[in-house]
Amino acid sequence: MMQSETAGPAMTDANPARAAWLRILAMAPAEALDAAYARLGQAAALPAWRLLRKPESGMAMVRARAGGTGAQFNLGEITVTRCAVVLEDGDAGSVGVAYVQGRGTQHAQQAAVLDALLQRPAWHQRVHDAVLAPLADAHATRAAQQAATAAQTRVEFFTMVRGED
């Protein structure tokens, strides 16, 4: 079981761009992230990095809302893997973190390295173009396909007015 750390300010308040790329990296299929990471490594040698927190799996409570807007309740637990790395070259080292659903240790590790690289101005555009943009496009395509499939099952109810007053 992972220990809870003291919560600081919400990441979305501090840096919405970072929150967005962490979401893309966490939601990417492991195979797609692995392929994008390999392509990035072939294009240019990645900086040296070391683990601050090795990938470790634990449980997290999932909360939901009744009807999507009602009172919150604990839905259940999911397995989550987290990892933290630091880049060892250059300016004081950029720290990258990742939390991914499931037991994907390699997924968490690669996402943490990419998070650290995205914080470096010299690497940001390269990682964005080679990794983030393709993963975000693939996610949008998958979401559109799922929405289209779900829309096929939509049923619209209506009431017929009777001729009575």
N, C-alpha and C. Protein backbone atom coordinates (compact mmCIF):
# COMPACT_ATOMS: atom_id res chain seq x y z
N MET A 1 0.84 -1.18 0.00
CA MET A 1 0.00 0.00 0.00
C MET A 1 0.88 1.23 0.00
N MET A 2 0.62 2.18 -0.90
CA MET A 2 1.42 3.40 -0.94
C MET A 2 1.02 4.30 0.21
N GLN A 3 2.00 4.97 0.79
CA GLN A 3 1.71 5.90 1.86
C GLN A 3 1.26 7.21 1.26
N SER A 4 0.34 7.86 1.93
CA SER A 4 -0.15 9.14 1.46
C SER A 4 0.82 10.24 1.84
N GLU A 5 1.09 11.13 0.91
CA GLU A 5 1.95 12.26 1.19
C GLU A 5 1.09 13.48 1.43
N THR A 6 1.66 14.47 2.10
CA THR A 6 0.93 15.69 2.36
C THR A 6 0.59 16.36 1.03
N ALA A 7 -0.65 16.68 0.87
CA ALA A 7 -1.09 17.28 -0.39
C ALA A 7 -0.73 18.74 -0.42
N GLY A 8 -0.13 19.16 -1.52
CA GLY A 8 0.19 20.57 -1.72
C GLY A 8 -0.88 21.18 -2.59
N PRO A 9 -0.57 22.30 -3.23
CA PRO A 9 -1.56 22.91 -4.13
C PRO A 9 -1.85 21.98 -5.29
N ALA A 10 -3.06 22.03 -5.76
CA ALA A 10 -3.45 21.17 -6.87
C ALA A 10 -2.58 21.45 -8.08
N MET A 11 -2.14 20.38 -8.77
CA MET A 11 -1.25 20.55 -9.92
C MET A 11 -1.93 21.38 -10.99
N THR A 12 -3.22 21.24 -11.15
CA THR A 12 -3.89 22.01 -12.19
C THR A 12 -3.85 23.49 -11.89
N ASP A 13 -3.79 23.88 -10.62
CA ASP A 13 -3.68 25.29 -10.27
C ASP A 13 -2.27 25.79 -10.52
N ALA A 14 -1.26 24.97 -10.23
CA ALA A 14 0.13 25.39 -10.33
C ALA A 14 0.61 25.45 -11.77
N ASN A 15 0.31 24.43 -12.57
CA ASN A 15 0.82 24.37 -13.93
C ASN A 15 -0.13 23.53 -14.78
N PRO A 16 -1.11 24.17 -15.41
CA PRO A 16 -2.09 23.41 -16.19
C PRO A 16 -1.47 22.69 -17.39
N ALA A 17 -0.41 23.26 -17.98
CA ALA A 17 0.23 22.60 -19.12
C ALA A 17 0.86 21.29 -18.67
N ARG A 18 1.53 21.30 -17.52
CA ARG A 18 2.14 20.07 -17.02
C ARG A 18 1.08 19.04 -16.67
N ALA A 19 0.00 19.47 -16.06
CA ALA A 19 -1.09 18.55 -15.74
C ALA A 19 -1.63 17.90 -17.01
N ALA A 20 -1.72 18.67 -18.09
CA ALA A 20 -2.23 18.13 -19.36
C ALA A 20 -1.29 17.09 -19.93
N TRP A 21 0.03 17.37 -19.94
CA TRP A 21 0.93 16.37 -20.52
C TRP A 21 1.06 15.14 -19.63
N LEU A 22 0.97 15.31 -18.30
CA LEU A 22 0.99 14.14 -17.41
C LEU A 22 -0.23 13.26 -17.66
N ARG A 23 -1.37 13.87 -17.94
CA ARG A 23 -2.59 13.12 -18.24
C ARG A 23 -2.42 12.33 -19.53
N ILE A 24 -1.87 12.97 -20.56
CA ILE A 24 -1.65 12.28 -21.84
C ILE A 24 -0.72 11.09 -21.64
N LEU A 25 0.38 11.29 -20.90
CA LEU A 25 1.34 10.21 -20.68
C LEU A 25 0.73 9.07 -19.86
N ALA A 26 -0.06 9.41 -18.86
CA ALA A 26 -0.66 8.38 -18.01
C ALA A 26 -1.73 7.58 -18.74
N MET A 27 -2.49 8.24 -19.61
CA MET A 27 -3.60 7.56 -20.29
C MET A 27 -3.18 6.85 -21.57
N ALA A 28 -1.96 7.07 -22.01
CA ALA A 28 -1.49 6.43 -23.25
C ALA A 28 -1.38 4.92 -23.06
N PRO A 29 -1.73 4.14 -24.08
CA PRO A 29 -1.47 2.70 -23.99
C PRO A 29 0.03 2.47 -23.83
N ALA A 30 0.40 1.50 -23.01
CA ALA A 30 1.81 1.25 -22.71
C ALA A 30 2.63 0.98 -23.98
N GLU A 31 2.05 0.26 -24.93
CA GLU A 31 2.78 -0.06 -26.17
C GLU A 31 3.05 1.20 -26.99
N ALA A 32 2.05 2.10 -27.05
CA ALA A 32 2.21 3.34 -27.81
C ALA A 32 3.25 4.25 -27.16
N LEU A 33 3.24 4.33 -25.83
CA LEU A 33 4.23 5.15 -25.13
C LEU A 33 5.62 4.57 -25.33
N ASP A 34 5.73 3.25 -25.25
CA ASP A 34 7.02 2.58 -25.43
C ASP A 34 7.58 2.87 -26.83
N ALA A 35 6.74 2.79 -27.85
CA ALA A 35 7.18 3.04 -29.22
C ALA A 35 7.60 4.50 -29.40
N ALA A 36 6.83 5.44 -28.84
CA ALA A 36 7.17 6.86 -28.95
C ALA A 36 8.46 7.17 -28.20
N TYR A 37 8.65 6.56 -27.05
CA TYR A 37 9.87 6.75 -26.25
C TYR A 37 11.08 6.23 -27.03
N ALA A 38 10.93 5.08 -27.67
CA ALA A 38 12.02 4.50 -28.46
C ALA A 38 12.36 5.40 -29.65
N ARG A 39 11.33 5.93 -30.34
CA ARG A 39 11.58 6.85 -31.46
C ARG A 39 12.33 8.09 -31.00
N LEU A 40 11.96 8.62 -29.85
CA LEU A 40 12.63 9.81 -29.32
C LEU A 40 14.09 9.50 -29.01
N GLY A 41 14.35 8.33 -28.44
CA GLY A 41 15.72 7.92 -28.12
C GLY A 41 16.57 7.67 -29.34
N GLN A 42 15.94 7.26 -30.45
CA GLN A 42 16.69 7.05 -31.69
C GLN A 42 17.04 8.37 -32.36
N ALA A 43 16.17 9.37 -32.23
CA ALA A 43 16.40 10.66 -32.86
C ALA A 43 17.55 11.42 -32.20
N ALA A 44 17.65 11.31 -30.88
CA ALA A 44 18.71 11.99 -30.14
C ALA A 44 18.95 11.23 -28.84
N ALA A 45 20.18 11.21 -28.40
CA ALA A 45 20.50 10.51 -27.15
C ALA A 45 19.82 11.23 -25.98
N LEU A 46 19.09 10.46 -25.19
CA LEU A 46 18.41 11.04 -24.04
C LEU A 46 19.42 11.34 -22.94
N PRO A 47 19.20 12.39 -22.16
CA PRO A 47 20.11 12.71 -21.06
C PRO A 47 20.12 11.60 -20.01
N ALA A 48 21.21 11.54 -19.26
CA ALA A 48 21.31 10.56 -18.16
C ALA A 48 20.30 10.93 -17.09
N TRP A 49 19.73 9.92 -16.46
CA TRP A 49 18.77 10.13 -15.38
C TRP A 49 18.94 9.03 -14.36
N ARG A 50 18.41 9.28 -13.17
CA ARG A 50 18.44 8.25 -12.12
C ARG A 50 17.09 8.26 -11.40
N LEU A 51 16.81 7.14 -10.79
CA LEU A 51 15.54 7.00 -10.07
C LEU A 51 15.61 7.71 -8.72
N LEU A 52 14.63 8.53 -8.44
CA LEU A 52 14.45 9.06 -7.09
C LEU A 52 13.54 8.13 -6.30
N ARG A 53 12.53 7.64 -6.98
CA ARG A 53 11.60 6.66 -6.39
C ARG A 53 11.37 5.62 -7.46
N LYS A 54 11.85 4.40 -7.21
CA LYS A 54 11.68 3.34 -8.19
C LYS A 54 10.19 3.08 -8.41
N PRO A 55 9.83 2.56 -9.57
CA PRO A 55 8.40 2.29 -9.81
C PRO A 55 7.86 1.33 -8.75
N GLU A 56 6.78 1.73 -8.12
CA GLU A 56 6.15 0.88 -7.11
C GLU A 56 4.64 0.96 -7.26
N SER A 57 4.01 -0.18 -7.05
CA SER A 57 2.56 -0.26 -7.21
C SER A 57 1.88 -0.22 -5.87
N GLY A 58 0.70 0.33 -5.85
CA GLY A 58 -0.11 0.41 -4.65
C GLY A 58 -1.57 0.59 -5.04
N MET A 59 -2.37 0.92 -4.08
CA MET A 59 -3.81 1.07 -4.31
C MET A 59 -4.21 2.53 -4.11
N ALA A 60 -5.19 2.96 -4.86
CA ALA A 60 -5.76 4.30 -4.71
C ALA A 60 -7.28 4.17 -4.71
N MET A 61 -7.93 4.96 -3.87
CA MET A 61 -9.39 4.94 -3.80
C MET A 61 -9.96 5.78 -4.94
N VAL A 62 -10.93 5.22 -5.63
CA VAL A 62 -11.61 5.92 -6.71
C VAL A 62 -12.92 6.46 -6.14
N ARG A 63 -13.12 7.76 -6.33
CA ARG A 63 -14.36 8.39 -5.86
C ARG A 63 -15.23 8.70 -7.07
N ALA A 64 -16.52 8.66 -6.86
CA ALA A 64 -17.48 8.94 -7.93
C ALA A 64 -18.58 9.82 -7.36
N ARG A 65 -19.45 10.28 -8.25
CA ARG A 65 -20.60 11.08 -7.83
C ARG A 65 -21.87 10.41 -8.35
N ALA A 66 -22.87 10.36 -7.50
CA ALA A 66 -24.15 9.79 -7.91
C ALA A 66 -24.73 10.65 -9.02
N GLY A 67 -25.01 10.04 -10.15
CA GLY A 67 -25.56 10.77 -11.28
C GLY A 67 -24.58 11.73 -11.93
N GLY A 68 -23.32 11.64 -11.57
CA GLY A 68 -22.31 12.51 -12.15
C GLY A 68 -22.21 13.87 -11.49
N THR A 69 -23.22 14.28 -10.74
CA THR A 69 -23.21 15.59 -10.09
C THR A 69 -23.60 15.54 -8.63
N GLY A 70 -24.05 14.41 -8.15
CA GLY A 70 -24.55 14.30 -6.79
C GLY A 70 -23.46 14.16 -5.75
N ALA A 71 -23.82 13.58 -4.63
CA ALA A 71 -22.90 13.40 -3.52
C ALA A 71 -21.80 12.40 -3.89
N GLN A 72 -20.59 12.66 -3.40
CA GLN A 72 -19.47 11.76 -3.67
C GLN A 72 -19.57 10.50 -2.82
N PHE A 73 -19.07 9.41 -3.38
CA PHE A 73 -18.98 8.16 -2.63
C PHE A 73 -17.75 7.40 -3.10
N ASN A 74 -17.24 6.50 -2.27
CA ASN A 74 -16.09 5.67 -2.63
C ASN A 74 -16.56 4.54 -3.51
N LEU A 75 -16.08 4.54 -4.74
CA LEU A 75 -16.48 3.52 -5.70
C LEU A 75 -15.71 2.22 -5.50
N GLY A 76 -14.43 2.33 -5.23
CA GLY A 76 -13.58 1.16 -5.04
C GLY A 76 -12.12 1.54 -5.19
N GLU A 77 -11.25 0.54 -5.19
CA GLU A 77 -9.82 0.80 -5.30
C GLU A 77 -9.30 0.32 -6.65
N ILE A 78 -8.26 1.01 -7.14
CA ILE A 78 -7.56 0.59 -8.35
C ILE A 78 -6.07 0.51 -8.04
N THR A 79 -5.38 -0.26 -8.84
CA THR A 79 -3.93 -0.36 -8.71
C THR A 79 -3.30 0.80 -9.46
N VAL A 80 -2.33 1.45 -8.83
CA VAL A 80 -1.63 2.58 -9.41
C VAL A 80 -0.13 2.36 -9.22
N THR A 81 0.66 2.70 -10.24
CA THR A 81 2.11 2.62 -10.15
C THR A 81 2.67 4.03 -10.25
N ARG A 82 3.60 4.36 -9.37
CA ARG A 82 4.22 5.68 -9.39
C ARG A 82 5.72 5.56 -9.53
N CYS A 83 6.33 6.64 -10.01
CA CYS A 83 7.77 6.66 -10.22
C CYS A 83 8.22 8.12 -10.22
N ALA A 84 9.46 8.35 -9.77
CA ALA A 84 10.06 9.69 -9.84
C ALA A 84 11.51 9.54 -10.29
N VAL A 85 11.92 10.40 -11.21
CA VAL A 85 13.29 10.39 -11.73
C VAL A 85 13.85 11.81 -11.71
N VAL A 86 15.17 11.90 -11.80
CA VAL A 86 15.83 13.19 -11.93
C VAL A 86 16.84 13.10 -13.06
N LEU A 87 16.85 14.13 -13.91
CA LEU A 87 17.85 14.20 -14.97
C LEU A 87 19.16 14.67 -14.35
N GLU A 88 20.25 14.02 -14.69
CA GLU A 88 21.51 14.30 -14.02
C GLU A 88 22.40 15.29 -14.76
N ASP A 89 22.03 15.70 -15.94
CA ASP A 89 22.89 16.63 -16.67
C ASP A 89 22.39 18.06 -16.49
N GLY A 90 23.26 19.01 -16.70
CA GLY A 90 22.85 20.41 -16.75
C GLY A 90 22.42 21.00 -15.42
N ASP A 91 21.43 21.85 -15.50
CA ASP A 91 21.01 22.71 -14.39
C ASP A 91 20.25 21.97 -13.29
N ALA A 92 20.93 21.65 -12.21
CA ALA A 92 20.34 21.14 -10.98
C ALA A 92 19.37 19.98 -11.15
N GLY A 93 19.24 19.43 -12.32
CA GLY A 93 18.40 18.26 -12.54
C GLY A 93 16.92 18.55 -12.48
N SER A 94 16.21 18.18 -13.52
CA SER A 94 14.75 18.30 -13.55
C SER A 94 14.17 17.03 -12.98
N VAL A 95 13.16 17.18 -12.13
CA VAL A 95 12.51 16.02 -11.52
C VAL A 95 11.25 15.72 -12.31
N GLY A 96 11.09 14.46 -12.69
CA GLY A 96 9.90 14.01 -13.39
C GLY A 96 9.16 12.99 -12.55
N VAL A 97 7.85 13.06 -12.58
CA VAL A 97 7.02 12.12 -11.81
C VAL A 97 5.97 11.52 -12.73
N ALA A 98 5.44 10.39 -12.32
CA ALA A 98 4.35 9.77 -13.07
C ALA A 98 3.54 8.87 -12.15
N TYR A 99 2.25 8.88 -12.35
CA TYR A 99 1.32 7.95 -11.73
C TYR A 99 0.51 7.36 -12.87
N VAL A 100 0.51 6.04 -12.99
CA VAL A 100 -0.25 5.39 -14.05
C VAL A 100 -1.13 4.30 -13.46
N GLN A 101 -2.26 4.07 -14.10
CA GLN A 101 -3.17 3.03 -13.64
C GLN A 101 -2.59 1.67 -13.98
N GLY A 102 -2.69 0.74 -13.06
CA GLY A 102 -2.20 -0.62 -13.28
C GLY A 102 -0.81 -0.83 -12.70
N ARG A 103 -0.18 -1.92 -13.15
CA ARG A 103 1.13 -2.29 -12.63
C ARG A 103 2.24 -2.07 -13.66
N GLY A 104 2.08 -1.10 -14.53
CA GLY A 104 3.04 -0.84 -15.61
C GLY A 104 4.26 -0.09 -15.11
N THR A 105 5.25 -0.83 -14.60
CA THR A 105 6.45 -0.17 -14.08
C THR A 105 7.23 0.55 -15.18
N GLN A 106 7.35 -0.06 -16.35
CA GLN A 106 8.06 0.58 -17.45
C GLN A 106 7.29 1.81 -17.94
N HIS A 107 5.99 1.71 -17.99
CA HIS A 107 5.14 2.84 -18.39
C HIS A 107 5.36 4.01 -17.43
N ALA A 108 5.34 3.75 -16.14
CA ALA A 108 5.53 4.81 -15.14
C ALA A 108 6.92 5.42 -15.26
N GLN A 109 7.92 4.59 -15.45
CA GLN A 109 9.29 5.07 -15.55
C GLN A 109 9.49 5.94 -16.79
N GLN A 110 8.99 5.49 -17.94
CA GLN A 110 9.12 6.27 -19.17
C GLN A 110 8.35 7.59 -19.07
N ALA A 111 7.16 7.55 -18.49
CA ALA A 111 6.37 8.78 -18.34
C ALA A 111 7.09 9.77 -17.42
N ALA A 112 7.74 9.29 -16.37
CA ALA A 112 8.48 10.17 -15.47
C ALA A 112 9.67 10.82 -16.19
N VAL A 113 10.39 10.04 -16.99
CA VAL A 113 11.53 10.59 -17.75
C VAL A 113 11.02 11.64 -18.74
N LEU A 114 9.92 11.36 -19.42
CA LEU A 114 9.38 12.31 -20.38
C LEU A 114 8.88 13.58 -19.67
N ASP A 115 8.31 13.44 -18.48
CA ASP A 115 7.88 14.60 -17.70
C ASP A 115 9.09 15.49 -17.39
N ALA A 116 10.19 14.88 -16.99
CA ALA A 116 11.40 15.65 -16.69
C ALA A 116 11.92 16.35 -17.95
N LEU A 117 11.92 15.65 -19.07
CA LEU A 117 12.39 16.24 -20.33
C LEU A 117 11.50 17.40 -20.78
N LEU A 118 10.20 17.27 -20.58
CA LEU A 118 9.28 18.31 -20.99
C LEU A 118 9.48 19.60 -20.18
N GLN A 119 10.10 19.51 -19.03
CA GLN A 119 10.37 20.69 -18.21
C GLN A 119 11.62 21.43 -18.68
N ARG A 120 12.38 20.81 -19.56
CA ARG A 120 13.59 21.44 -20.10
C ARG A 120 13.25 22.16 -21.40
N PRO A 121 13.54 23.46 -21.51
CA PRO A 121 13.23 24.18 -22.75
C PRO A 121 13.88 23.56 -23.99
N ALA A 122 15.09 23.03 -23.84
CA ALA A 122 15.79 22.45 -24.99
C ALA A 122 15.10 21.18 -25.50
N TRP A 123 14.39 20.49 -24.65
CA TRP A 123 13.75 19.22 -25.02
C TRP A 123 12.24 19.34 -25.22
N HIS A 124 11.64 20.38 -24.70
CA HIS A 124 10.18 20.46 -24.67
C HIS A 124 9.54 20.27 -26.05
N GLN A 125 9.96 21.05 -27.04
CA GLN A 125 9.32 20.96 -28.35
C GLN A 125 9.56 19.60 -29.01
N ARG A 126 10.77 19.07 -28.84
CA ARG A 126 11.09 17.76 -29.42
C ARG A 126 10.19 16.67 -28.85
N VAL A 127 10.04 16.66 -27.52
CA VAL A 127 9.20 15.64 -26.87
C VAL A 127 7.74 15.86 -27.23
N HIS A 128 7.33 17.11 -27.29
CA HIS A 128 5.94 17.41 -27.65
C HIS A 128 5.62 16.87 -29.04
N ASP A 129 6.50 17.16 -30.01
CA ASP A 129 6.23 16.75 -31.39
C ASP A 129 6.34 15.25 -31.60
N ALA A 130 7.33 14.61 -30.95
CA ALA A 130 7.57 13.18 -31.17
C ALA A 130 6.71 12.28 -30.30
N VAL A 131 6.29 12.76 -29.14
CA VAL A 131 5.59 11.89 -28.20
C VAL A 131 4.17 12.39 -27.89
N LEU A 132 4.07 13.60 -27.35
CA LEU A 132 2.77 14.07 -26.86
C LEU A 132 1.73 14.23 -27.97
N ALA A 133 2.09 14.91 -29.04
CA ALA A 133 1.11 15.15 -30.11
C ALA A 133 0.55 13.85 -30.68
N PRO A 134 1.40 12.87 -31.04
CA PRO A 134 0.83 11.61 -31.56
C PRO A 134 -0.04 10.86 -30.53
N LEU A 135 0.38 10.87 -29.26
CA LEU A 135 -0.41 10.18 -28.23
C LEU A 135 -1.75 10.89 -28.01
N ALA A 136 -1.74 12.22 -28.01
CA ALA A 136 -2.99 12.98 -27.83
C ALA A 136 -3.93 12.75 -29.01
N ASP A 137 -3.39 12.73 -30.23
CA ASP A 137 -4.22 12.47 -31.41
C ASP A 137 -4.84 11.08 -31.37
N ALA A 138 -4.03 10.09 -30.98
CA ALA A 138 -4.54 8.71 -30.88
C ALA A 138 -5.62 8.61 -29.81
N HIS A 139 -5.44 9.32 -28.70
CA HIS A 139 -6.45 9.30 -27.63
C HIS A 139 -7.75 9.94 -28.12
N ALA A 140 -7.65 11.07 -28.83
CA ALA A 140 -8.84 11.74 -29.34
C ALA A 140 -9.58 10.84 -30.34
N THR A 141 -8.83 10.13 -31.17
CA THR A 141 -9.45 9.21 -32.13
C THR A 141 -10.18 8.08 -31.40
N ARG A 142 -9.53 7.50 -30.38
CA ARG A 142 -10.17 6.43 -29.60
C ARG A 142 -11.43 6.94 -28.92
N ALA A 143 -11.37 8.13 -28.35
CA ALA A 143 -12.54 8.70 -27.65
C ALA A 143 -13.68 8.95 -28.63
N ALA A 144 -13.37 9.45 -29.83
CA ALA A 144 -14.41 9.68 -30.84
C ALA A 144 -15.05 8.37 -31.28
N GLN A 145 -14.23 7.32 -31.43
CA GLN A 145 -14.78 6.02 -31.82
C GLN A 145 -15.68 5.47 -30.73
N GLN A 146 -15.28 5.61 -29.48
CA GLN A 146 -16.11 5.13 -28.37
C GLN A 146 -17.41 5.93 -28.29
N ALA A 147 -17.33 7.24 -28.51
CA ALA A 147 -18.53 8.08 -28.48
C ALA A 147 -19.48 7.70 -29.61
N ALA A 148 -18.93 7.42 -30.79
CA ALA A 148 -19.77 7.02 -31.92
C ALA A 148 -20.45 5.69 -31.65
N THR A 149 -19.72 4.77 -31.06
CA THR A 149 -20.29 3.46 -30.71
C THR A 149 -21.40 3.62 -29.68
N ALA A 150 -21.16 4.44 -28.66
CA ALA A 150 -22.17 4.67 -27.63
C ALA A 150 -23.38 5.40 -28.19
N ALA A 151 -23.17 6.31 -29.14
CA ALA A 151 -24.28 7.07 -29.72
C ALA A 151 -25.24 6.17 -30.49
N GLN A 152 -24.74 5.05 -31.00
CA GLN A 152 -25.61 4.12 -31.73
C GLN A 152 -26.66 3.49 -30.83
N THR A 153 -26.41 3.45 -29.56
CA THR A 153 -27.35 2.83 -28.62
C THR A 153 -28.28 3.84 -27.97
N ARG A 154 -28.16 5.11 -28.36
CA ARG A 154 -28.97 6.16 -27.74
C ARG A 154 -30.44 5.96 -28.09
N VAL A 155 -31.28 6.11 -27.09
CA VAL A 155 -32.72 6.00 -27.26
C VAL A 155 -33.34 7.32 -26.83
N GLU A 156 -34.17 7.90 -27.69
CA GLU A 156 -34.84 9.14 -27.33
C GLU A 156 -36.30 8.83 -27.04
N PHE A 157 -36.73 9.29 -25.87
CA PHE A 157 -38.11 9.08 -25.46
C PHE A 157 -38.89 10.36 -25.67
N PHE A 158 -40.11 10.24 -26.08
CA PHE A 158 -40.97 11.42 -26.23
C PHE A 158 -42.38 11.00 -25.84
N THR A 159 -43.18 11.99 -25.56
CA THR A 159 -44.56 11.73 -25.15
C THR A 159 -45.49 12.22 -26.24
N MET A 160 -46.41 11.40 -26.61
CA MET A 160 -47.39 11.81 -27.61
C MET A 160 -48.55 12.49 -26.90
N VAL A 161 -49.03 13.55 -27.47
CA VAL A 161 -50.14 14.29 -26.88
C VAL A 161 -51.42 13.62 -27.35
N ARG A 162 -52.28 13.37 -26.42
CA ARG A 162 -53.58 12.80 -26.75
C ARG A 162 -54.50 13.89 -27.23
N GLY A 163 -55.51 13.55 -27.91
CA GLY A 163 -56.48 14.50 -28.43
C GLY A 163 -57.45 15.01 -27.39
N GLU A 164 -57.32 14.62 -26.13
CA GLU A 164 -58.23 15.02 -25.07
C GLU A 164 -57.80 16.35 -24.48
N ASP A 165 -58.76 17.15 -24.02
CA ASP A 165 -58.43 18.43 -23.37
C ASP A 165 -58.25 18.27 -21.91
